[in-house]
């Protein structure tokens, strides 16, 4: 069974990463296994040229896993599976819930962080899968659930309730 996936979306500087960190802390404290996926718009070096795992990928491995005493890192081809739900299903089956940062154009449930101080319009519409907003602006999508920027408990409960409804 694939874990529930929620994309946290918003403009740069809106507070997405801060929110994801707080949600991971709160949900993990409840005993849940939380996985995260971050979408980067720029080129990121995932492995160091010359290292073994890099050499394996360069030789044609579709996946390369590096295991240390305390951690695991997986580098895998993602030519087909590029949406959060596909990635979660393929790689994060042990998680209870997946928080994806970004992916505003991907299918799936989205919670947008939008603050008056950012002075930008919403990034997503309801038709894009927007299910709630974390905001200090009451006028943005009044038909959707609104959460304050510090209402971590409320956001967590909303996601858990929605996850339960889908199961």
C-alpha atoms as a PDB file:
ATOM      1  CA  UNK A   1       0.000   0.000   0.000  1.00  0.00           C
ATOM      2  CA  UNK A   2       1.340   3.438  -0.929  1.00  0.00           C
ATOM      3  CA  UNK A   3       1.602   6.090   1.773  1.00  0.00           C
ATOM      4  CA  UNK A   4      -0.560   9.218   1.649  1.00  0.00           C
ATOM      5  CA  UNK A   5       1.250  12.072  -0.097  1.00  0.00           C
ATOM      6  CA  UNK A   6       0.750  15.787   0.522  1.00  0.00           C
ATOM      7  CA  UNK A   7       2.610  18.388  -1.521  1.00  0.00           C
ATOM      8  CA  UNK A   8       3.466  21.575   0.329  1.00  0.00           C
ATOM      9  CA  UNK A   9       3.543  24.270  -2.340  1.00  0.00           C
ATOM     10  CA  UNK A  10       4.095  28.001  -2.515  1.00  0.00           C
ATOM     11  CA  UNK A  11       6.364  30.678  -3.891  1.00  0.00           C
ATOM     12  CA  UNK A  12      10.034  30.883  -2.965  1.00  0.00           C
ATOM     13  CA  UNK A  13      10.406  32.420   0.482  1.00  0.00           C
ATOM     14  CA  UNK A  14       6.851  31.613   1.573  1.00  0.00           C
ATOM     15  CA  UNK A  15       7.951  29.247   4.342  1.00  0.00           C
ATOM     16  CA  UNK A  16       7.499  25.818   2.732  1.00  0.00           C
ATOM     17  CA  UNK A  17      10.675  24.277   4.137  1.00  0.00           C
ATOM     18  CA  UNK A  18      10.052  25.679   7.618  1.00  0.00           C
ATOM     19  CA  UNK A  19       6.532  24.247   7.552  1.00  0.00           C
ATOM     20  CA  UNK A  20       7.693  20.826   6.324  1.00  0.00           C
ATOM     21  CA  UNK A  21      10.321  20.637   9.091  1.00  0.00           C
ATOM     22  CA  UNK A  22       7.730  21.494  11.749  1.00  0.00           C
ATOM     23  CA  UNK A  23       5.258  18.969  10.330  1.00  0.00           C
ATOM     24  CA  UNK A  24       7.913  16.229  10.234  1.00  0.00           C
ATOM     25  CA  UNK A  25       8.822  16.948  13.861  1.00  0.00           C
ATOM     26  CA  UNK A  26       5.199  16.913  15.019  1.00  0.00           C
ATOM     27  CA  UNK A  27       4.127  13.834  13.057  1.00  0.00           C
ATOM     28  CA  UNK A  28       7.278  11.892  13.986  1.00  0.00           C
ATOM     29  CA  UNK A  29       6.639  12.703  17.643  1.00  0.00           C
ATOM     30  CA  UNK A  30       3.300  10.872  17.230  1.00  0.00           C
ATOM     31  CA  UNK A  31       5.197   7.737  16.203  1.00  0.00           C
ATOM     32  CA  UNK A  32       4.528   8.054  12.468  1.00  0.00           C
ATOM     33  CA  UNK A  33       7.163   7.270   9.854  1.00  0.00           C
ATOM     34  CA  UNK A  34       7.405  10.396   7.723  1.00  0.00           C
ATOM     35  CA  UNK A  35       9.252  10.594   4.419  1.00  0.00           C
ATOM     36  CA  UNK A  36       9.995  13.738   2.443  1.00  0.00           C
ATOM     37  CA  UNK A  37      10.544  14.515  -1.210  1.00  0.00           C
ATOM     38  CA  UNK A  38      12.050  17.842  -2.288  1.00  0.00           C
ATOM     39  CA  UNK A  39      11.709  19.173  -5.814  1.00  0.00           C
ATOM     40  CA  UNK A  40      14.707  21.217  -6.930  1.00  0.00           C
ATOM     41  CA  UNK A  41      14.465  23.413 -10.006  1.00  0.00           C
ATOM     42  CA  UNK A  42      18.237  23.607 -10.429  1.00  0.00           C
ATOM     43  CA  UNK A  43      20.876  20.965 -11.117  1.00  0.00           C
ATOM     44  CA  UNK A  44      22.018  19.231  -7.949  1.00  0.00           C
ATOM     45  CA  UNK A  45      24.973  16.846  -7.808  1.00  0.00           C
ATOM     46  CA  UNK A  46      23.555  13.736  -6.152  1.00  0.00           C
ATOM     47  CA  UNK A  47      26.807  11.841  -5.977  1.00  0.00           C
ATOM     48  CA  UNK A  48      30.459  12.739  -6.175  1.00  0.00           C
ATOM     49  CA  UNK A  49      32.283  11.808  -9.395  1.00  0.00           C
ATOM     50  CA  UNK A  50      34.845   9.113  -8.764  1.00  0.00           C
ATOM     51  CA  UNK A  51      33.103   7.618  -5.709  1.00  0.00           C
ATOM     52  CA  UNK A  52      31.888   4.006  -5.913  1.00  0.00           C
ATOM     53  CA  UNK A  53      28.152   4.750  -5.998  1.00  0.00           C
ATOM     54  CA  UNK A  54      28.732   7.339  -8.737  1.00  0.00           C
ATOM     55  CA  UNK A  55      30.743   4.823 -10.734  1.00  0.00           C
ATOM     56  CA  UNK A  56      27.963   2.243 -10.438  1.00  0.00           C
ATOM     57  CA  UNK A  57      25.401   4.705 -11.807  1.00  0.00           C
ATOM     58  CA  UNK A  58      27.773   5.792 -14.554  1.00  0.00           C
ATOM     59  CA  UNK A  59      28.221   2.132 -15.494  1.00  0.00           C
ATOM     60  CA  UNK A  60      24.482   1.775 -16.044  1.00  0.00           C
ATOM     61  CA  UNK A  61      22.917   0.810 -12.712  1.00  0.00           C
ATOM     62  CA  UNK A  62      19.329   2.095 -12.549  1.00  0.00           C
ATOM     63  CA  UNK A  63      19.687   2.441  -8.772  1.00  0.00           C
ATOM     64  CA  UNK A  64      22.635   2.815  -6.455  1.00  0.00           C
ATOM     65  CA  UNK A  65      22.311   2.625  -2.697  1.00  0.00           C
ATOM     66  CA  UNK A  66      24.909   3.854  -0.236  1.00  0.00           C
ATOM     67  CA  UNK A  67      24.556   2.393   3.230  1.00  0.00           C
ATOM     68  CA  UNK A  68      26.444   3.650   6.260  1.00  0.00           C
ATOM     69  CA  UNK A  69      26.103   2.563   9.866  1.00  0.00           C
ATOM     70  CA  UNK A  70      23.347   5.143  10.461  1.00  0.00           C
ATOM     71  CA  UNK A  71      21.947   6.150   7.095  1.00  0.00           C
ATOM     72  CA  UNK A  72      20.946   5.095   3.623  1.00  0.00           C
ATOM     73  CA  UNK A  73      21.016   7.128   0.430  1.00  0.00           C
ATOM     74  CA  UNK A  74      19.455   5.988  -2.814  1.00  0.00           C
ATOM     75  CA  UNK A  75      20.251   7.449  -6.199  1.00  0.00           C
ATOM     76  CA  UNK A  76      17.896   6.139  -8.857  1.00  0.00           C
ATOM     77  CA  UNK A  77      16.781   6.959 -12.354  1.00  0.00           C
ATOM     78  CA  UNK A  78      13.598   9.033 -12.304  1.00  0.00           C
ATOM     79  CA  UNK A  79      12.812   9.387 -15.962  1.00  0.00           C
ATOM     80  CA  UNK A  80       9.282   8.004 -15.663  1.00  0.00           C
ATOM     81  CA  UNK A  81       8.331   8.330 -11.998  1.00  0.00           C
ATOM     82  CA  UNK A  82       8.527  12.070 -11.421  1.00  0.00           C
ATOM     83  CA  UNK A  83       5.360  12.850  -9.476  1.00  0.00           C
ATOM     84  CA  UNK A  84       5.228  12.573  -5.684  1.00  0.00           C
ATOM     85  CA  UNK A  85       2.697   9.715  -5.598  1.00  0.00           C
ATOM     86  CA  UNK A  86       4.739   7.663  -8.095  1.00  0.00           C
ATOM     87  CA  UNK A  87       7.971   8.287  -6.187  1.00  0.00           C
ATOM     88  CA  UNK A  88       6.348   7.477  -2.846  1.00  0.00           C
ATOM     89  CA  UNK A  89       4.911   4.240  -4.206  1.00  0.00           C
ATOM     90  CA  UNK A  90       8.246   3.146  -5.694  1.00  0.00           C
ATOM     91  CA  UNK A  91      10.665   4.172  -2.954  1.00  0.00           C
ATOM     92  CA  UNK A  92       8.820   5.042   0.267  1.00  0.00           C
ATOM     93  CA  UNK A  93       6.463   2.169   0.967  1.00  0.00           C
ATOM     94  CA  UNK A  94       7.589   1.960   4.599  1.00  0.00           C
ATOM     95  CA  UNK A  95       6.426   5.514   5.318  1.00  0.00           C
ATOM     96  CA  UNK A  96       3.081   6.288   6.905  1.00  0.00           C
ATOM     97  CA  UNK A  97       2.923   9.674   5.208  1.00  0.00           C
ATOM     98  CA  UNK A  98       4.997  11.550   2.622  1.00  0.00           C
ATOM     99  CA  UNK A  99       5.464  15.310   2.555  1.00  0.00           C
ATOM    100  CA  UNK A 100       6.597  16.593  -0.821  1.00  0.00           C
ATOM    101  CA  UNK A 101       7.933  20.134  -1.044  1.00  0.00           C
ATOM    102  CA  UNK A 102       7.195  21.795  -4.344  1.00  0.00           C
ATOM    103  CA  UNK A 103       5.560  19.865  -7.179  1.00  0.00           C
ATOM    104  CA  UNK A 104       2.945  22.579  -7.724  1.00  0.00           C
ATOM    105  CA  UNK A 105       2.277  21.247 -11.246  1.00  0.00           C
ATOM    106  CA  UNK A 106       2.061  17.570 -10.270  1.00  0.00           C
ATOM    107  CA  UNK A 107      -1.161  15.708  -9.614  1.00  0.00           C
ATOM    108  CA  UNK A 108      -2.218  15.108  -6.030  1.00  0.00           C
ATOM    109  CA  UNK A 109      -3.240  16.845  -2.835  1.00  0.00           C
ATOM    110  CA  UNK A 110      -1.605  20.221  -2.254  1.00  0.00           C
ATOM    111  CA  UNK A 111      -1.444  22.536   0.725  1.00  0.00           C
ATOM    112  CA  UNK A 112      -0.267  26.023  -0.238  1.00  0.00           C
ATOM    113  CA  UNK A 113       1.735  28.307   2.018  1.00  0.00           C
ATOM    114  CA  UNK A 114       0.948  31.899   1.136  1.00  0.00           C
ATOM    115  CA  UNK A 115       1.796  34.925   3.240  1.00  0.00           C
ATOM    116  CA  UNK A 116       0.757  38.525   2.797  1.00  0.00           C
ATOM    117  CA  UNK A 117       4.421  39.592   3.214  1.00  0.00           C
ATOM    118  CA  UNK A 118       5.380  37.659   0.052  1.00  0.00           C
ATOM    119  CA  UNK A 119       2.999  39.832  -1.987  1.00  0.00           C
ATOM    120  CA  UNK A 120       2.320  37.186  -4.649  1.00  0.00           C
ATOM    121  CA  UNK A 121      -0.881  35.543  -5.875  1.00  0.00           C
ATOM    122  CA  UNK A 122      -1.583  31.895  -5.032  1.00  0.00           C
ATOM    123  CA  UNK A 123       0.553  29.459  -6.979  1.00  0.00           C
ATOM    124  CA  UNK A 124      -2.172  26.797  -7.309  1.00  0.00           C
ATOM    125  CA  UNK A 125      -5.891  26.648  -7.902  1.00  0.00           C
ATOM    126  CA  UNK A 126      -8.462  24.241  -6.516  1.00  0.00           C
ATOM    127  CA  UNK A 127      -8.499  22.477  -9.891  1.00  0.00           C
ATOM    128  CA  UNK A 128      -4.765  21.750  -9.385  1.00  0.00           C
ATOM    129  CA  UNK A 129      -5.533  19.639  -6.304  1.00  0.00           C
ATOM    130  CA  UNK A 130      -5.347  22.431  -3.727  1.00  0.00           C
ATOM    131  CA  UNK A 131      -7.056  21.155  -0.565  1.00  0.00           C
ATOM    132  CA  UNK A 132      -6.043  23.737   2.070  1.00  0.00           C
ATOM    133  CA  UNK A 133      -4.025  26.894   2.637  1.00  0.00           C
ATOM    134  CA  UNK A 134      -1.597  27.888   5.354  1.00  0.00           C
ATOM    135  CA  UNK A 135      -1.884  31.642   5.399  1.00  0.00           C
ATOM    136  CA  UNK A 136      -2.403  34.929   7.153  1.00  0.00           C
ATOM    137  CA  UNK A 137      -4.878  35.989   4.427  1.00  0.00           C
ATOM    138  CA  UNK A 138      -8.550  35.155   5.066  1.00  0.00           C
ATOM    139  CA  UNK A 139      -9.577  36.270   1.573  1.00  0.00           C
ATOM    140  CA  UNK A 140      -7.555  33.571  -0.253  1.00  0.00           C
ATOM    141  CA  UNK A 141      -9.764  30.598  -1.193  1.00  0.00           C
ATOM    142  CA  UNK A 142     -12.321  31.098   1.579  1.00  0.00           C
ATOM    143  CA  UNK A 143     -14.025  27.826   0.560  1.00  0.00           C
ATOM    144  CA  UNK A 144     -10.955  25.797   1.605  1.00  0.00           C
ATOM    145  CA  UNK A 145      -9.718  24.980   5.100  1.00  0.00           C
ATOM    146  CA  UNK A 146      -7.391  27.721   6.392  1.00  0.00           C
ATOM    147  CA  UNK A 147      -4.603  27.216   8.900  1.00  0.00           C
ATOM    148  CA  UNK A 148      -2.460  29.804  10.586  1.00  0.00           C
ATOM    149  CA  UNK A 149       1.264  29.758   9.928  1.00  0.00           C
ATOM    150  CA  UNK A 150       1.911  28.274  13.388  1.00  0.00           C
ATOM    151  CA  UNK A 151      -1.078  25.891  13.558  1.00  0.00           C
ATOM    152  CA  UNK A 152       1.069  22.777  13.179  1.00  0.00           C
ATOM    153  CA  UNK A 153      -1.281  20.614  15.263  1.00  0.00           C
ATOM    154  CA  UNK A 154      -4.266  21.639  13.130  1.00  0.00           C
ATOM    155  CA  UNK A 155      -2.436  20.962   9.846  1.00  0.00           C
ATOM    156  CA  UNK A 156      -1.240  17.564  11.115  1.00  0.00           C
ATOM    157  CA  UNK A 157      -4.748  16.580  12.187  1.00  0.00           C
ATOM    158  CA  UNK A 158      -6.159  17.700   8.825  1.00  0.00           C
ATOM    159  CA  UNK A 159      -3.643  15.530   6.948  1.00  0.00           C
ATOM    160  CA  UNK A 160      -4.201  12.539   9.228  1.00  0.00           C
ATOM    161  CA  UNK A 161      -7.992  12.830   8.884  1.00  0.00           C
ATOM    162  CA  UNK A 162      -7.696  13.077   5.106  1.00  0.00           C
ATOM    163  CA  UNK A 163      -5.303  10.124   5.038  1.00  0.00           C
ATOM    164  CA  UNK A 164      -7.780   8.042   7.069  1.00  0.00           C
ATOM    165  CA  UNK A 165     -10.663   8.961   4.748  1.00  0.00           C
ATOM    166  CA  UNK A 166      -8.692   7.705   1.727  1.00  0.00           C
ATOM    167  CA  UNK A 167      -7.648   4.404   3.306  1.00  0.00           C
END
